[in-house]
Amino acid sequence: MSNYNIILVSNQVNLCFLCIFFRTLDLSFNLIKTIENLGCLTKVKKLFLVSNKISKIEGLQNLSQLEMIELGANKIRVSTK
């Protein structure tokens, strides 16, 4: 099976339509506030969520093949608690 890639930059997208076979997914610049509805993307190895409005890293537990995630320029803060 070939590798499938999708790049969706500067869009407001609904993640439910995405195919389960994607290896690379770029959802940068999409005003995304939460990481959700990615459970079916079990084959994704690279996930780009740059310059969105994400404040918490969560919803990645089903991405068992994930090797790299890019979350630069979001609203994520590290808590020392």
Protein backbone atom coordinates (compact mmCIF):
# COMPACT_ATOMS: atom_id res chain seq x y z
CA MET A 1 0.00 0.00 0.00
CA SER A 2 1.27 3.45 -0.87
CA ASN A 3 1.74 6.23 1.65
CA TYR A 4 -0.98 8.86 1.59
CA ASN A 5 -0.39 12.43 2.66
CA ILE A 6 -2.76 15.32 3.17
CA ILE A 7 -1.92 18.96 3.76
CA LEU A 8 -4.73 21.26 4.87
CA VAL A 9 -3.26 24.67 5.61
CA SER A 10 -5.25 27.83 6.41
CA ASN A 11 -8.63 26.09 6.40
CA GLN A 12 -11.34 25.54 8.94
CA VAL A 13 -11.85 21.81 8.66
CA ASN A 14 -13.99 19.15 10.25
CA LEU A 15 -11.66 16.25 11.10
CA CYS A 16 -14.30 13.51 10.81
CA PHE A 17 -13.90 13.10 7.05
CA LEU A 18 -10.20 12.16 7.17
CA CYS A 19 -9.04 8.82 5.84
CA ILE A 20 -7.54 6.17 8.13
CA PHE A 21 -4.61 5.56 5.77
CA PHE A 22 -2.83 8.93 6.03
CA ARG A 23 0.80 8.78 7.21
CA THR A 24 1.40 12.55 7.32
CA LEU A 25 -1.28 15.06 8.30
CA ASP A 26 -0.73 18.82 8.29
CA LEU A 27 -3.54 20.80 9.92
CA SER A 28 -1.50 23.93 10.57
CA PHE A 29 -3.13 27.40 10.53
CA ASN A 30 -6.69 26.12 11.02
CA LEU A 31 -7.88 27.80 14.26
CA ILE A 32 -8.08 24.35 15.95
CA LYS A 33 -8.71 24.71 19.69
CA THR A 34 -8.64 21.07 20.79
CA ILE A 35 -7.03 17.88 19.55
CA GLU A 36 -9.99 15.56 19.04
CA ASN A 37 -11.62 13.13 16.59
CA LEU A 38 -8.28 11.64 15.59
CA GLY A 39 -8.97 8.12 16.89
CA CYS A 40 -9.39 6.65 13.41
CA LEU A 41 -5.98 7.92 12.27
CA THR A 42 -4.03 4.97 13.66
CA LYS A 43 -1.50 5.04 10.78
CA VAL A 44 -0.42 8.69 11.13
CA LYS A 45 3.32 9.00 11.75
CA LYS A 46 3.74 12.78 11.42
CA LEU A 47 1.19 15.29 12.67
CA PHE A 48 1.55 19.05 12.16
CA LEU A 49 -0.70 21.35 14.21
CA VAL A 50 1.34 24.56 13.98
CA SER A 51 -0.22 28.00 14.61
CA ASN A 52 -3.60 26.91 15.86
CA LYS A 53 -5.25 27.76 19.20
CA ILE A 54 -4.44 24.51 21.03
CA SER A 55 -3.88 24.97 24.78
CA LYS A 56 -3.65 21.36 25.96
CA ILE A 57 -1.90 18.27 24.56
CA GLU A 58 -4.49 15.49 24.72
CA GLY A 59 -6.44 13.15 22.45
CA LEU A 60 -3.38 11.41 21.04
CA GLN A 61 -3.70 8.05 22.81
CA ASN A 62 -4.98 6.15 19.73
CA LEU A 63 -2.20 7.41 17.46
CA SER A 64 -0.01 4.37 18.09
CA GLN A 65 2.19 4.97 15.02
CA LEU A 66 2.85 8.65 15.83
CA GLU A 67 6.58 9.42 15.64
CA MET A 68 6.53 13.22 15.42
CA ILE A 69 4.12 16.00 16.34
CA GLU A 70 4.74 19.68 15.69
CA LEU A 71 2.75 22.05 17.94
CA GLY A 72 4.71 25.30 17.54
CA ALA A 73 2.95 28.67 17.86
CA ASN A 74 -0.03 27.40 19.87
CA LYS A 75 -1.23 28.43 23.35
CA ILE A 76 0.36 25.49 25.20
CA ARG A 77 1.81 26.24 28.62
CA VAL A 78 3.89 23.94 30.80
CA SER A 79 2.61 23.52 34.33
CA THR A 80 5.04 22.75 37.15
CA LYS A 81 2.28 21.38 39.40
